[in-house]
């Protein structure tokens, strides 16, 4: 009768953790940085169009609003792991690979754009109707009203949305480690999980928690700073 095989842990010495953690941390921020560039631009456009095609918007169009809203909801419906698998053909067509950072960036953008777009739309919805009305009465162009009235007044809420989306993208980058995307997630999967390296797993958890806490702290401070002048009027 065969005896059960005992899996032995080979923990990386604490003194060597940084040699693995620092490059992985840099890869994570490379992924997230690329993704957030597209998410903020494309998602911002989606959110502005969603709001301004609604009944309160500058160019109300019920059909366009319903169609775009349906697409946004569809993009937010799938868990990220399922989405990664579902769009593998698109990822391969765009990047020529299904592993690594390029393969992770595509599904992260696809997941992030509708999420951020909805957050921007909600931020604009919270504005008083007078914000757009004053812009129209002043004779501003559509672009001037959107940029100098709507987005300017909604800036604190949009910064909060960027903070929330940034945190989500870091979480998605960790999940993307399952397809060999690199970064902290890949380190946790290959070393922490597959090799039962407890030191790497603990270090990964600590770094992720500290990073999220720092981002949230900075985001909250920025939102408070942007809202303070409004409260002092």
C-alpha atoms as a PDB file:
ATOM      1  CA  UNK A   1       0.000   0.000   0.000  1.00  0.00           C
ATOM      2  CA  UNK A   2       1.391   3.385  -1.026  1.00  0.00           C
ATOM      3  CA  UNK A   3       1.995   5.939   1.642  1.00  0.00           C
ATOM      4  CA  UNK A   4       0.577   9.450   1.060  1.00  0.00           C
ATOM      5  CA  UNK A   5       3.172  11.869  -0.287  1.00  0.00           C
ATOM      6  CA  UNK A   6       3.888  14.735   2.049  1.00  0.00           C
ATOM      7  CA  UNK A   7       4.384  18.049   0.287  1.00  0.00           C
ATOM      8  CA  UNK A   8       7.337  19.897   1.768  1.00  0.00           C
ATOM      9  CA  UNK A   9       7.303  23.650   1.894  1.00  0.00           C
ATOM     10  CA  UNK A  10      10.355  25.459   0.519  1.00  0.00           C
ATOM     11  CA  UNK A  11       9.997  28.936   1.951  1.00  0.00           C
ATOM     12  CA  UNK A  12      12.042  31.715   0.408  1.00  0.00           C
ATOM     13  CA  UNK A  13      14.296  33.286   3.081  1.00  0.00           C
ATOM     14  CA  UNK A  14      12.954  36.631   4.271  1.00  0.00           C
ATOM     15  CA  UNK A  15      16.209  38.289   3.241  1.00  0.00           C
ATOM     16  CA  UNK A  16      15.561  37.245  -0.377  1.00  0.00           C
ATOM     17  CA  UNK A  17      11.884  38.198  -0.584  1.00  0.00           C
ATOM     18  CA  UNK A  18      12.610  41.614  -2.075  1.00  0.00           C
ATOM     19  CA  UNK A  19      14.460  40.094  -5.045  1.00  0.00           C
ATOM     20  CA  UNK A  20      11.185  38.521  -6.150  1.00  0.00           C
ATOM     21  CA  UNK A  21       8.713  41.053  -4.774  1.00  0.00           C
ATOM     22  CA  UNK A  22      10.129  44.277  -6.234  1.00  0.00           C
ATOM     23  CA  UNK A  23      10.134  43.156  -9.915  1.00  0.00           C
ATOM     24  CA  UNK A  24       6.647  41.661  -9.473  1.00  0.00           C
ATOM     25  CA  UNK A  25       5.394  44.867  -7.856  1.00  0.00           C
ATOM     26  CA  UNK A  26       6.775  46.859 -10.777  1.00  0.00           C
ATOM     27  CA  UNK A  27       5.020  44.567 -13.268  1.00  0.00           C
ATOM     28  CA  UNK A  28       1.751  45.023 -11.405  1.00  0.00           C
ATOM     29  CA  UNK A  29       1.983  48.810 -11.655  1.00  0.00           C
ATOM     30  CA  UNK A  30       2.972  48.569 -15.328  1.00  0.00           C
ATOM     31  CA  UNK A  31      -0.182  46.572 -16.043  1.00  0.00           C
ATOM     32  CA  UNK A  32      -2.403  48.799 -13.943  1.00  0.00           C
ATOM     33  CA  UNK A  33      -0.902  51.986 -15.372  1.00  0.00           C
ATOM     34  CA  UNK A  34      -1.542  50.941 -18.974  1.00  0.00           C
ATOM     35  CA  UNK A  35      -5.052  49.795 -18.127  1.00  0.00           C
ATOM     36  CA  UNK A  36      -6.003  52.921 -16.193  1.00  0.00           C
ATOM     37  CA  UNK A  37      -4.889  55.157 -19.070  1.00  0.00           C
ATOM     38  CA  UNK A  38      -7.433  53.495 -21.355  1.00  0.00           C
ATOM     39  CA  UNK A  39     -10.067  53.068 -18.658  1.00  0.00           C
ATOM     40  CA  UNK A  40     -10.123  56.725 -17.630  1.00  0.00           C
ATOM     41  CA  UNK A  41     -10.237  58.002 -21.224  1.00  0.00           C
ATOM     42  CA  UNK A  42     -12.657  55.464 -22.714  1.00  0.00           C
ATOM     43  CA  UNK A  43     -14.716  55.007 -19.557  1.00  0.00           C
ATOM     44  CA  UNK A  44     -14.938  58.768 -19.110  1.00  0.00           C
ATOM     45  CA  UNK A  45     -16.320  59.142 -22.630  1.00  0.00           C
ATOM     46  CA  UNK A  46     -18.808  56.328 -22.007  1.00  0.00           C
ATOM     47  CA  UNK A  47     -20.001  57.950 -18.769  1.00  0.00           C
ATOM     48  CA  UNK A  48     -20.385  61.386 -20.355  1.00  0.00           C
ATOM     49  CA  UNK A  49     -22.325  59.957 -23.301  1.00  0.00           C
ATOM     50  CA  UNK A  50     -24.516  57.874 -20.993  1.00  0.00           C
ATOM     51  CA  UNK A  51     -25.472  60.936 -18.970  1.00  0.00           C
ATOM     52  CA  UNK A  52     -25.933  63.319 -21.874  1.00  0.00           C
ATOM     53  CA  UNK A  53     -28.098  60.922 -23.890  1.00  0.00           C
ATOM     54  CA  UNK A  54     -30.422  60.613 -20.896  1.00  0.00           C
ATOM     55  CA  UNK A  55     -33.445  62.880 -20.352  1.00  0.00           C
ATOM     56  CA  UNK A  56     -31.275  65.339 -18.373  1.00  0.00           C
ATOM     57  CA  UNK A  57     -28.480  65.452 -20.917  1.00  0.00           C
ATOM     58  CA  UNK A  58     -27.402  67.837 -23.628  1.00  0.00           C
ATOM     59  CA  UNK A  59     -28.276  65.529 -26.511  1.00  0.00           C
ATOM     60  CA  UNK A  60     -31.004  63.264 -25.164  1.00  0.00           C
ATOM     61  CA  UNK A  61     -31.483  60.134 -27.243  1.00  0.00           C
ATOM     62  CA  UNK A  62     -33.451  57.338 -25.621  1.00  0.00           C
ATOM     63  CA  UNK A  63     -32.441  54.645 -28.113  1.00  0.00           C
ATOM     64  CA  UNK A  64     -28.721  55.365 -27.871  1.00  0.00           C
ATOM     65  CA  UNK A  65     -28.926  55.609 -24.101  1.00  0.00           C
ATOM     66  CA  UNK A  66     -30.676  52.245 -23.762  1.00  0.00           C
ATOM     67  CA  UNK A  67     -28.245  50.527 -26.134  1.00  0.00           C
ATOM     68  CA  UNK A  68     -25.144  51.922 -24.454  1.00  0.00           C
ATOM     69  CA  UNK A  69     -26.557  51.205 -20.997  1.00  0.00           C
ATOM     70  CA  UNK A  70     -27.223  47.592 -22.037  1.00  0.00           C
ATOM     71  CA  UNK A  71     -23.650  47.206 -23.287  1.00  0.00           C
ATOM     72  CA  UNK A  72     -22.279  48.658 -20.054  1.00  0.00           C
ATOM     73  CA  UNK A  73     -24.414  46.320 -17.969  1.00  0.00           C
ATOM     74  CA  UNK A  74     -23.301  43.357 -20.065  1.00  0.00           C
ATOM     75  CA  UNK A  75     -19.655  44.308 -19.562  1.00  0.00           C
ATOM     76  CA  UNK A  76     -20.162  44.444 -15.805  1.00  0.00           C
ATOM     77  CA  UNK A  77     -22.091  41.179 -15.573  1.00  0.00           C
ATOM     78  CA  UNK A  78     -19.273  38.644 -15.898  1.00  0.00           C
ATOM     79  CA  UNK A  79     -16.800  37.873 -13.120  1.00  0.00           C
ATOM     80  CA  UNK A  80     -13.314  38.860 -14.244  1.00  0.00           C
ATOM     81  CA  UNK A  81     -11.999  35.284 -14.407  1.00  0.00           C
ATOM     82  CA  UNK A  82     -14.889  34.281 -16.678  1.00  0.00           C
ATOM     83  CA  UNK A  83     -14.412  37.412 -18.796  1.00  0.00           C
ATOM     84  CA  UNK A  84     -10.704  36.609 -19.264  1.00  0.00           C
ATOM     85  CA  UNK A  85     -11.585  33.175 -20.588  1.00  0.00           C
ATOM     86  CA  UNK A  86     -14.496  34.395 -22.725  1.00  0.00           C
ATOM     87  CA  UNK A  87     -12.492  36.942 -24.724  1.00  0.00           C
ATOM     88  CA  UNK A  88      -9.376  34.838 -25.312  1.00  0.00           C
ATOM     89  CA  UNK A  89      -9.942  34.938 -29.106  1.00  0.00           C
ATOM     90  CA  UNK A  90     -10.130  38.758 -29.014  1.00  0.00           C
ATOM     91  CA  UNK A  91      -7.071  38.947 -26.782  1.00  0.00           C
ATOM     92  CA  UNK A  92      -5.076  36.701 -29.126  1.00  0.00           C
ATOM     93  CA  UNK A  93      -6.232  38.669 -32.179  1.00  0.00           C
ATOM     94  CA  UNK A  94      -5.139  41.970 -30.658  1.00  0.00           C
ATOM     95  CA  UNK A  95      -1.910  40.899 -28.966  1.00  0.00           C
ATOM     96  CA  UNK A  96      -0.867  37.643 -30.627  1.00  0.00           C
ATOM     97  CA  UNK A  97      -0.624  35.893 -27.264  1.00  0.00           C
ATOM     98  CA  UNK A  98      -2.811  34.592 -24.450  1.00  0.00           C
ATOM     99  CA  UNK A  99      -0.243  34.862 -21.660  1.00  0.00           C
ATOM    100  CA  UNK A 100       1.785  37.621 -20.095  1.00  0.00           C
ATOM    101  CA  UNK A 101       1.088  41.305 -19.505  1.00  0.00           C
ATOM    102  CA  UNK A 102      -0.370  42.014 -22.995  1.00  0.00           C
ATOM    103  CA  UNK A 103      -2.895  39.213 -22.552  1.00  0.00           C
ATOM    104  CA  UNK A 104      -3.923  40.560 -19.149  1.00  0.00           C
ATOM    105  CA  UNK A 105      -4.267  44.185 -20.242  1.00  0.00           C
ATOM    106  CA  UNK A 106      -7.059  43.519 -22.767  1.00  0.00           C
ATOM    107  CA  UNK A 107      -9.578  41.846 -20.398  1.00  0.00           C
ATOM    108  CA  UNK A 108      -8.710  44.350 -17.665  1.00  0.00           C
ATOM    109  CA  UNK A 109      -9.589  47.214 -20.022  1.00  0.00           C
ATOM    110  CA  UNK A 110     -12.763  45.457 -21.140  1.00  0.00           C
ATOM    111  CA  UNK A 111     -13.776  45.018 -17.497  1.00  0.00           C
ATOM    112  CA  UNK A 112     -12.683  48.470 -16.347  1.00  0.00           C
ATOM    113  CA  UNK A 113     -14.226  50.693 -19.028  1.00  0.00           C
ATOM    114  CA  UNK A 114     -17.908  49.890 -18.346  1.00  0.00           C
ATOM    115  CA  UNK A 115     -17.338  49.974 -14.596  1.00  0.00           C
ATOM    116  CA  UNK A 116     -15.715  53.408 -14.700  1.00  0.00           C
ATOM    117  CA  UNK A 117     -18.235  54.624 -17.262  1.00  0.00           C
ATOM    118  CA  UNK A 118     -21.108  53.841 -14.921  1.00  0.00           C
ATOM    119  CA  UNK A 119     -19.335  55.550 -12.034  1.00  0.00           C
ATOM    120  CA  UNK A 120     -18.824  58.707 -14.117  1.00  0.00           C
ATOM    121  CA  UNK A 121     -22.458  58.661 -15.173  1.00  0.00           C
ATOM    122  CA  UNK A 122     -23.555  58.387 -11.526  1.00  0.00           C
ATOM    123  CA  UNK A 123     -21.223  61.261 -10.592  1.00  0.00           C
ATOM    124  CA  UNK A 124     -22.847  63.469 -13.241  1.00  0.00           C
ATOM    125  CA  UNK A 125     -26.326  62.432 -12.149  1.00  0.00           C
ATOM    126  CA  UNK A 126     -25.617  63.763  -8.677  1.00  0.00           C
ATOM    127  CA  UNK A 127     -25.109  67.270 -10.033  1.00  0.00           C
ATOM    128  CA  UNK A 128     -27.984  69.759  -9.730  1.00  0.00           C
ATOM    129  CA  UNK A 129     -29.873  70.235 -12.996  1.00  0.00           C
ATOM    130  CA  UNK A 130     -28.918  73.910 -12.845  1.00  0.00           C
ATOM    131  CA  UNK A 131     -25.284  73.098 -13.692  1.00  0.00           C
ATOM    132  CA  UNK A 132     -26.164  72.156 -17.272  1.00  0.00           C
ATOM    133  CA  UNK A 133     -28.914  74.773 -17.505  1.00  0.00           C
ATOM    134  CA  UNK A 134     -26.543  77.608 -16.597  1.00  0.00           C
ATOM    135  CA  UNK A 135     -24.102  76.449 -19.252  1.00  0.00           C
ATOM    136  CA  UNK A 136     -26.832  76.471 -21.877  1.00  0.00           C
ATOM    137  CA  UNK A 137     -28.072  79.921 -20.866  1.00  0.00           C
ATOM    138  CA  UNK A 138     -24.505  81.234 -21.003  1.00  0.00           C
ATOM    139  CA  UNK A 139     -24.276  80.142 -24.616  1.00  0.00           C
ATOM    140  CA  UNK A 140     -21.506  77.623 -24.063  1.00  0.00           C
ATOM    141  CA  UNK A 141     -20.774  74.958 -26.660  1.00  0.00           C
ATOM    142  CA  UNK A 142     -21.451  71.305 -25.911  1.00  0.00           C
ATOM    143  CA  UNK A 143     -17.763  70.681 -25.192  1.00  0.00           C
ATOM    144  CA  UNK A 144     -17.516  73.746 -22.943  1.00  0.00           C
ATOM    145  CA  UNK A 145     -20.558  72.706 -20.916  1.00  0.00           C
ATOM    146  CA  UNK A 146     -19.272  69.144 -20.520  1.00  0.00           C
ATOM    147  CA  UNK A 147     -15.716  70.089 -19.595  1.00  0.00           C
ATOM    148  CA  UNK A 148     -16.171  73.323 -17.646  1.00  0.00           C
ATOM    149  CA  UNK A 149     -19.532  72.698 -16.008  1.00  0.00           C
ATOM    150  CA  UNK A 150     -20.364  69.009 -15.745  1.00  0.00           C
ATOM    151  CA  UNK A 151     -16.926  67.405 -15.320  1.00  0.00           C
ATOM    152  CA  UNK A 152     -15.538  70.325 -13.336  1.00  0.00           C
ATOM    153  CA  UNK A 153     -18.373  70.246 -10.809  1.00  0.00           C
ATOM    154  CA  UNK A 154     -18.333  66.448 -10.600  1.00  0.00           C
ATOM    155  CA  UNK A 155     -14.534  66.273 -10.183  1.00  0.00           C
ATOM    156  CA  UNK A 156     -14.527  65.135  -6.515  1.00  0.00           C
ATOM    157  CA  UNK A 157     -16.881  62.247  -7.309  1.00  0.00           C
ATOM    158  CA  UNK A 158     -14.853  61.369 -10.414  1.00  0.00           C
ATOM    159  CA  UNK A 159     -11.628  61.267  -8.375  1.00  0.00           C
ATOM    160  CA  UNK A 160     -13.394  58.920  -5.949  1.00  0.00           C
ATOM    161  CA  UNK A 161     -14.417  56.805  -8.948  1.00  0.00           C
ATOM    162  CA  UNK A 162     -10.821  56.697 -10.210  1.00  0.00           C
ATOM    163  CA  UNK A 163      -9.689  55.561  -6.752  1.00  0.00           C
ATOM    164  CA  UNK A 164     -12.273  52.781  -6.661  1.00  0.00           C
ATOM    165  CA  UNK A 165     -11.441  51.683 -10.196  1.00  0.00           C
ATOM    166  CA  UNK A 166      -7.699  51.724  -9.509  1.00  0.00           C
ATOM    167  CA  UNK A 167      -8.197  49.407  -6.543  1.00  0.00           C
ATOM    168  CA  UNK A 168     -10.339  47.098  -8.683  1.00  0.00           C
ATOM    169  CA  UNK A 169      -7.664  46.980 -11.388  1.00  0.00           C
ATOM    170  CA  UNK A 170      -5.016  45.984  -8.842  1.00  0.00           C
ATOM    171  CA  UNK A 171      -7.321  43.185  -7.716  1.00  0.00           C
ATOM    172  CA  UNK A 172      -7.861  42.137 -11.346  1.00  0.00           C
ATOM    173  CA  UNK A 173      -4.112  42.179 -11.983  1.00  0.00           C
ATOM    174  CA  UNK A 174      -3.710  39.679  -9.148  1.00  0.00           C
ATOM    175  CA  UNK A 175      -6.322  37.422 -10.764  1.00  0.00           C
ATOM    176  CA  UNK A 176      -4.543  37.817 -14.099  1.00  0.00           C
ATOM    177  CA  UNK A 177      -1.567  36.094 -12.491  1.00  0.00           C
ATOM    178  CA  UNK A 178      -3.370  32.820 -13.203  1.00  0.00           C
ATOM    179  CA  UNK A 179      -2.590  33.277 -16.925  1.00  0.00           C
ATOM    180  CA  UNK A 180       1.051  34.067 -16.300  1.00  0.00           C
ATOM    181  CA  UNK A 181       0.593  37.820 -16.561  1.00  0.00           C
ATOM    182  CA  UNK A 182       3.383  38.541 -14.133  1.00  0.00           C
ATOM    183  CA  UNK A 183       3.066  40.856 -11.194  1.00  0.00           C
ATOM    184  CA  UNK A 184       2.119  40.132  -7.615  1.00  0.00           C
ATOM    185  CA  UNK A 185      -0.666  37.738  -8.594  1.00  0.00           C
ATOM    186  CA  UNK A 186       1.669  35.546 -10.633  1.00  0.00           C
ATOM    187  CA  UNK A 187       4.152  35.504  -7.767  1.00  0.00           C
ATOM    188  CA  UNK A 188       1.418  34.429  -5.355  1.00  0.00           C
ATOM    189  CA  UNK A 189       0.170  31.670  -7.667  1.00  0.00           C
ATOM    190  CA  UNK A 190       3.525  30.208  -8.728  1.00  0.00           C
ATOM    191  CA  UNK A 191       5.452  30.573  -5.475  1.00  0.00           C
ATOM    192  CA  UNK A 192       2.860  31.020  -2.753  1.00  0.00           C
ATOM    193  CA  UNK A 193       0.316  28.454  -3.969  1.00  0.00           C
ATOM    194  CA  UNK A 194       1.993  25.963  -6.297  1.00  0.00           C
ATOM    195  CA  UNK A 195       5.264  25.793  -4.350  1.00  0.00           C
ATOM    196  CA  UNK A 196       3.684  26.241  -0.917  1.00  0.00           C
ATOM    197  CA  UNK A 197       5.997  29.145  -0.161  1.00  0.00           C
ATOM    198  CA  UNK A 198       4.426  30.663   2.940  1.00  0.00           C
ATOM    199  CA  UNK A 199       6.840  33.577   3.108  1.00  0.00           C
ATOM    200  CA  UNK A 200       5.953  34.702  -0.413  1.00  0.00           C
ATOM    201  CA  UNK A 201       2.245  34.349   0.286  1.00  0.00           C
ATOM    202  CA  UNK A 202       2.465  36.386   3.486  1.00  0.00           C
ATOM    203  CA  UNK A 203       4.579  39.061   1.790  1.00  0.00           C
ATOM    204  CA  UNK A 204       2.135  39.234  -1.122  1.00  0.00           C
ATOM    205  CA  UNK A 205      -0.840  39.690   1.178  1.00  0.00           C
ATOM    206  CA  UNK A 206       0.911  42.382   3.213  1.00  0.00           C
ATOM    207  CA  UNK A 207       2.025  44.304   0.124  1.00  0.00           C
ATOM    208  CA  UNK A 208      -1.449  44.178  -1.463  1.00  0.00           C
ATOM    209  CA  UNK A 209      -3.177  45.316   1.723  1.00  0.00           C
ATOM    210  CA  UNK A 210      -0.685  48.136   2.244  1.00  0.00           C
ATOM    211  CA  UNK A 211      -1.021  49.249  -1.385  1.00  0.00           C
ATOM    212  CA  UNK A 212      -4.823  49.324  -1.302  1.00  0.00           C
ATOM    213  CA  UNK A 213      -4.846  51.196   1.992  1.00  0.00           C
ATOM    214  CA  UNK A 214      -2.403  53.792   0.652  1.00  0.00           C
ATOM    215  CA  UNK A 215      -4.376  54.313  -2.556  1.00  0.00           C
ATOM    216  CA  UNK A 216      -7.623  54.708  -0.627  1.00  0.00           C
ATOM    217  CA  UNK A 217      -6.006  57.159   1.792  1.00  0.00           C
ATOM    218  CA  UNK A 218      -4.598  59.313  -1.013  1.00  0.00           C
ATOM    219  CA  UNK A 219      -7.878  59.161  -2.920  1.00  0.00           C
ATOM    220  CA  UNK A 220      -9.892  60.221   0.132  1.00  0.00           C
ATOM    221  CA  UNK A 221      -7.532  63.121   0.801  1.00  0.00           C
ATOM    222  CA  UNK A 222      -7.796  64.328  -2.795  1.00  0.00           C
ATOM    223  CA  UNK A 223     -11.588  64.138  -2.708  1.00  0.00           C
ATOM    224  CA  UNK A 224     -11.680  66.067   0.559  1.00  0.00           C
ATOM    225  CA  UNK A 225      -9.329  68.723  -0.839  1.00  0.00           C
ATOM    226  CA  UNK A 226     -11.460  69.151  -3.956  1.00  0.00           C
ATOM    227  CA  UNK A 227     -14.685  69.406  -1.967  1.00  0.00           C
ATOM    228  CA  UNK A 228     -13.349  71.845   0.624  1.00  0.00           C
ATOM    229  CA  UNK A 229     -13.445  74.960  -1.605  1.00  0.00           C
ATOM    230  CA  UNK A 230     -17.049  74.173  -2.501  1.00  0.00           C
ATOM    231  CA  UNK A 231     -17.998  73.922   1.127  1.00  0.00           C
ATOM    232  CA  UNK A 232     -16.404  77.296   1.817  1.00  0.00           C
ATOM    233  CA  UNK A 233     -18.497  79.255  -0.638  1.00  0.00           C
END
